[in-house]
Amino acid sequence: MPESISHIALIVCDPARTAELFAGVFGARVISDADDDGHRQSLARFGGVWFVLRQGEGPSVRNGDHIAFEVEKAELPGYAAKLVAFGVEYFMAREDSALYFTDYDNHVFELDGGGSMDEGLAERT
């Protein structure tokens, strides 16, 4: 059985730009900026997960797929301000306990300030 997520790979037009967004908004540590098989890529780590940002054409449309991170609800306004500083639009949902944004390449992220999934699912059992 898998222990944890090793990494998430995203195809992006400009790996360095996306890594800068992750560093500026989430405090991600950009580990490397390297060539791999002739494609540029950047590596960033935040939320306990490695993100491999490979150069290419990202998704053409948003489809509901997203990556969600658990945060404190009180942190959401600070994240919103950082996103605005990077020119990234966001919207609030679930009575302002979740913030959704799309990166420069149509990847959707959620910052969930409504408590952990474990807590929510425990209430259902």
C-alpha atoms as a PDB file:
ATOM      1  CA  MET A   1       0.000   0.000   0.000  1.00  0.00           C
ATOM      2  CA  PRO A   2       1.419   3.447  -0.857  1.00  0.00           C
ATOM      3  CA  GLU A   3       2.693   5.433   2.112  1.00  0.00           C
ATOM      4  CA  SER A   4       2.395   8.935   0.693  1.00  0.00           C
ATOM      5  CA  ILE A   5       2.520  10.971  -2.488  1.00  0.00           C
ATOM      6  CA  SER A   6       6.050  11.070  -3.876  1.00  0.00           C
ATOM      7  CA  HIS A   7       5.482  13.937  -6.296  1.00  0.00           C
ATOM      8  CA  ILE A   8       2.970  15.621  -8.559  1.00  0.00           C
ATOM      9  CA  ALA A   9       4.075  16.442 -12.101  1.00  0.00           C
ATOM     10  CA  LEU A  10       2.430  19.342 -13.901  1.00  0.00           C
ATOM     11  CA  ILE A  11       3.000  20.392 -17.490  1.00  0.00           C
ATOM     12  CA  VAL A  12       3.414  24.175 -17.641  1.00  0.00           C
ATOM     13  CA  CYS A  13       4.487  26.674 -20.299  1.00  0.00           C
ATOM     14  CA  ASP A  14       7.088  28.357 -18.115  1.00  0.00           C
ATOM     15  CA  PRO A  15       8.392  26.169 -15.246  1.00  0.00           C
ATOM     16  CA  ALA A  16      10.423  28.967 -13.655  1.00  0.00           C
ATOM     17  CA  ARG A  17       7.414  31.310 -13.586  1.00  0.00           C
ATOM     18  CA  THR A  18       5.191  28.692 -11.955  1.00  0.00           C
ATOM     19  CA  ALA A  19       7.942  27.869  -9.437  1.00  0.00           C
ATOM     20  CA  GLU A  20       8.142  31.594  -8.625  1.00  0.00           C
ATOM     21  CA  LEU A  21       4.366  31.649  -8.025  1.00  0.00           C
ATOM     22  CA  PHE A  22       4.613  28.668  -5.671  1.00  0.00           C
ATOM     23  CA  ALA A  23       7.568  30.225  -3.844  1.00  0.00           C
ATOM     24  CA  GLY A  24       5.876  33.611  -3.501  1.00  0.00           C
ATOM     25  CA  VAL A  25       2.464  32.366  -2.412  1.00  0.00           C
ATOM     26  CA  PHE A  26       3.261  29.185  -0.479  1.00  0.00           C
ATOM     27  CA  GLY A  27       6.884  29.719   0.522  1.00  0.00           C
ATOM     28  CA  ALA A  28       7.877  26.782  -1.671  1.00  0.00           C
ATOM     29  CA  ARG A  29      11.524  25.951  -1.804  1.00  0.00           C
ATOM     30  CA  VAL A  30      12.624  25.754  -5.427  1.00  0.00           C
ATOM     31  CA  ILE A  31      14.998  22.815  -5.384  1.00  0.00           C
ATOM     32  CA  SER A  32      16.308  22.825  -8.917  1.00  0.00           C
ATOM     33  CA  ASP A  33      15.935  24.306 -12.331  1.00  0.00           C
ATOM     34  CA  ALA A  34      17.283  21.731 -14.745  1.00  0.00           C
ATOM     35  CA  ASP A  35      17.058  20.319 -18.242  1.00  0.00           C
ATOM     36  CA  ASP A  36      15.627  16.839 -18.551  1.00  0.00           C
ATOM     37  CA  ASP A  37      15.478  15.232 -22.015  1.00  0.00           C
ATOM     38  CA  GLY A  38      15.604  18.665 -23.641  1.00  0.00           C
ATOM     39  CA  HIS A  39      12.677  20.098 -21.673  1.00  0.00           C
ATOM     40  CA  ARG A  40      13.018  22.738 -19.020  1.00  0.00           C
ATOM     41  CA  GLN A  41      11.741  21.827 -15.612  1.00  0.00           C
ATOM     42  CA  SER A  42      11.679  23.260 -12.130  1.00  0.00           C
ATOM     43  CA  LEU A  43      11.281  21.340  -8.910  1.00  0.00           C
ATOM     44  CA  ALA A  44       9.472  22.840  -5.939  1.00  0.00           C
ATOM     45  CA  ARG A  45       8.414  21.475  -2.574  1.00  0.00           C
ATOM     46  CA  PHE A  46       5.560  22.735  -0.423  1.00  0.00           C
ATOM     47  CA  GLY A  47       2.755  21.179   1.536  1.00  0.00           C
ATOM     48  CA  GLY A  48       5.007  18.167   2.050  1.00  0.00           C
ATOM     49  CA  VAL A  49       4.882  17.328  -1.666  1.00  0.00           C
ATOM     50  CA  TRP A  50       7.376  17.648  -4.508  1.00  0.00           C
ATOM     51  CA  PHE A  51       6.047  19.386  -7.625  1.00  0.00           C
ATOM     52  CA  VAL A  52       7.836  18.626 -10.879  1.00  0.00           C
ATOM     53  CA  LEU A  53       7.049  21.439 -13.294  1.00  0.00           C
ATOM     54  CA  ARG A  54       7.840  20.296 -16.827  1.00  0.00           C
ATOM     55  CA  GLN A  55       7.816  22.571 -19.837  1.00  0.00           C
ATOM     56  CA  GLY A  56       5.056  21.906 -22.339  1.00  0.00           C
ATOM     57  CA  GLU A  57       1.443  22.700 -23.108  1.00  0.00           C
ATOM     58  CA  GLY A  58      -0.728  22.604 -19.995  1.00  0.00           C
ATOM     59  CA  PRO A  59      -4.412  21.673 -20.043  1.00  0.00           C
ATOM     60  CA  SER A  60      -6.464  23.773 -22.431  1.00  0.00           C
ATOM     61  CA  VAL A  61      -9.466  23.994 -20.084  1.00  0.00           C
ATOM     62  CA  ARG A  62     -10.357  23.530 -16.441  1.00  0.00           C
ATOM     63  CA  ASN A  63     -12.358  20.387 -15.800  1.00  0.00           C
ATOM     64  CA  GLY A  64     -12.906  20.098 -12.049  1.00  0.00           C
ATOM     65  CA  ASP A  65      -9.662  18.250 -11.296  1.00  0.00           C
ATOM     66  CA  HIS A  66      -7.781  20.049  -8.551  1.00  0.00           C
ATOM     67  CA  ILE A  67      -5.159  19.704  -5.855  1.00  0.00           C
ATOM     68  CA  ALA A  68      -6.317  20.694  -2.363  1.00  0.00           C
ATOM     69  CA  PHE A  69      -4.237  21.726   0.622  1.00  0.00           C
ATOM     70  CA  GLU A  70      -5.479  21.931   4.188  1.00  0.00           C
ATOM     71  CA  VAL A  71      -4.872  25.368   5.728  1.00  0.00           C
ATOM     72  CA  GLU A  72      -6.247  27.378   8.610  1.00  0.00           C
ATOM     73  CA  LYS A  73      -9.285  29.435   7.630  1.00  0.00           C
ATOM     74  CA  ALA A  74      -7.639  32.523   9.172  1.00  0.00           C
ATOM     75  CA  GLU A  75      -4.780  32.157   6.640  1.00  0.00           C
ATOM     76  CA  LEU A  76      -7.012  32.476   3.578  1.00  0.00           C
ATOM     77  CA  PRO A  77      -6.983  36.324   3.357  1.00  0.00           C
ATOM     78  CA  GLY A  78      -3.164  36.314   3.380  1.00  0.00           C
ATOM     79  CA  TYR A  79      -3.055  33.758   0.563  1.00  0.00           C
ATOM     80  CA  ALA A  80      -5.621  35.808  -1.357  1.00  0.00           C
ATOM     81  CA  ALA A  81      -3.453  38.932  -1.090  1.00  0.00           C
ATOM     82  CA  LYS A  82      -0.390  37.033  -2.330  1.00  0.00           C
ATOM     83  CA  LEU A  83      -2.319  35.664  -5.304  1.00  0.00           C
ATOM     84  CA  VAL A  84      -3.472  39.169  -6.222  1.00  0.00           C
ATOM     85  CA  ALA A  85       0.151  40.365  -6.068  1.00  0.00           C
ATOM     86  CA  PHE A  86       1.027  37.680  -8.645  1.00  0.00           C
ATOM     87  CA  GLY A  87      -1.931  38.662 -10.857  1.00  0.00           C
ATOM     88  CA  VAL A  88      -3.727  35.374 -10.177  1.00  0.00           C
ATOM     89  CA  GLU A  89      -7.504  35.406  -9.777  1.00  0.00           C
ATOM     90  CA  TYR A  90      -9.178  33.397  -7.037  1.00  0.00           C
ATOM     91  CA  PHE A  91     -12.640  32.818  -5.661  1.00  0.00           C
ATOM     92  CA  MET A  92     -13.969  31.907  -2.258  1.00  0.00           C
ATOM     93  CA  ALA A  93     -16.405  29.033  -1.701  1.00  0.00           C
ATOM     94  CA  ARG A  94     -18.158  27.084   1.061  1.00  0.00           C
ATOM     95  CA  GLU A  95     -19.009  30.131   3.162  1.00  0.00           C
ATOM     96  CA  ASP A  96     -15.510  31.561   2.697  1.00  0.00           C
ATOM     97  CA  SER A  97     -13.795  28.470   4.119  1.00  0.00           C
ATOM     98  CA  ALA A  98     -12.184  27.496   0.782  1.00  0.00           C
ATOM     99  CA  LEU A  99     -10.148  29.475  -1.712  1.00  0.00           C
ATOM    100  CA  TYR A 100      -9.779  28.245  -5.297  1.00  0.00           C
ATOM    101  CA  PHE A 101      -7.345  29.550  -7.872  1.00  0.00           C
ATOM    102  CA  THR A 102      -5.991  28.547 -11.230  1.00  0.00           C
ATOM    103  CA  ASP A 103      -2.293  28.773 -12.028  1.00  0.00           C
ATOM    104  CA  TYR A 104      -1.019  30.222 -15.301  1.00  0.00           C
ATOM    105  CA  ASP A 105      -1.699  26.913 -17.104  1.00  0.00           C
ATOM    106  CA  ASN A 106      -5.258  25.987 -15.992  1.00  0.00           C
ATOM    107  CA  HIS A 107      -4.251  23.760 -13.049  1.00  0.00           C
ATOM    108  CA  VAL A 108      -6.747  24.311 -10.231  1.00  0.00           C
ATOM    109  CA  PHE A 109      -5.735  24.472  -6.573  1.00  0.00           C
ATOM    110  CA  GLU A 110      -7.877  24.641  -3.466  1.00  0.00           C
ATOM    111  CA  LEU A 111      -6.875  25.976  -0.073  1.00  0.00           C
ATOM    112  CA  ASP A 112      -9.314  24.278   2.279  1.00  0.00           C
ATOM    113  CA  GLY A 113      -9.800  26.097   5.570  1.00  0.00           C
ATOM    114  CA  GLY A 114     -12.803  24.055   6.607  1.00  0.00           C
ATOM    115  CA  GLY A 115     -11.033  21.368   8.603  1.00  0.00           C
ATOM    116  CA  SER A 116      -9.465  18.116   7.546  1.00  0.00           C
ATOM    117  CA  MET A 117     -11.109  15.513   5.324  1.00  0.00           C
ATOM    118  CA  ASP A 118     -10.580  13.002   8.137  1.00  0.00           C
ATOM    119  CA  GLU A 119     -12.641  15.133  10.516  1.00  0.00           C
ATOM    120  CA  GLY A 120     -15.381  15.663   7.948  1.00  0.00           C
ATOM    121  CA  LEU A 121     -15.606  11.988   7.080  1.00  0.00           C
ATOM    122  CA  ALA A 122     -15.585  10.965  10.746  1.00  0.00           C
ATOM    123  CA  GLU A 123     -18.778  12.955  11.213  1.00  0.00           C
ATOM    124  CA  ARG A 124     -20.465  10.824   8.520  1.00  0.00           C
ATOM    125  CA  THR A 125     -19.718   7.496  10.179  1.00  0.00           C
END
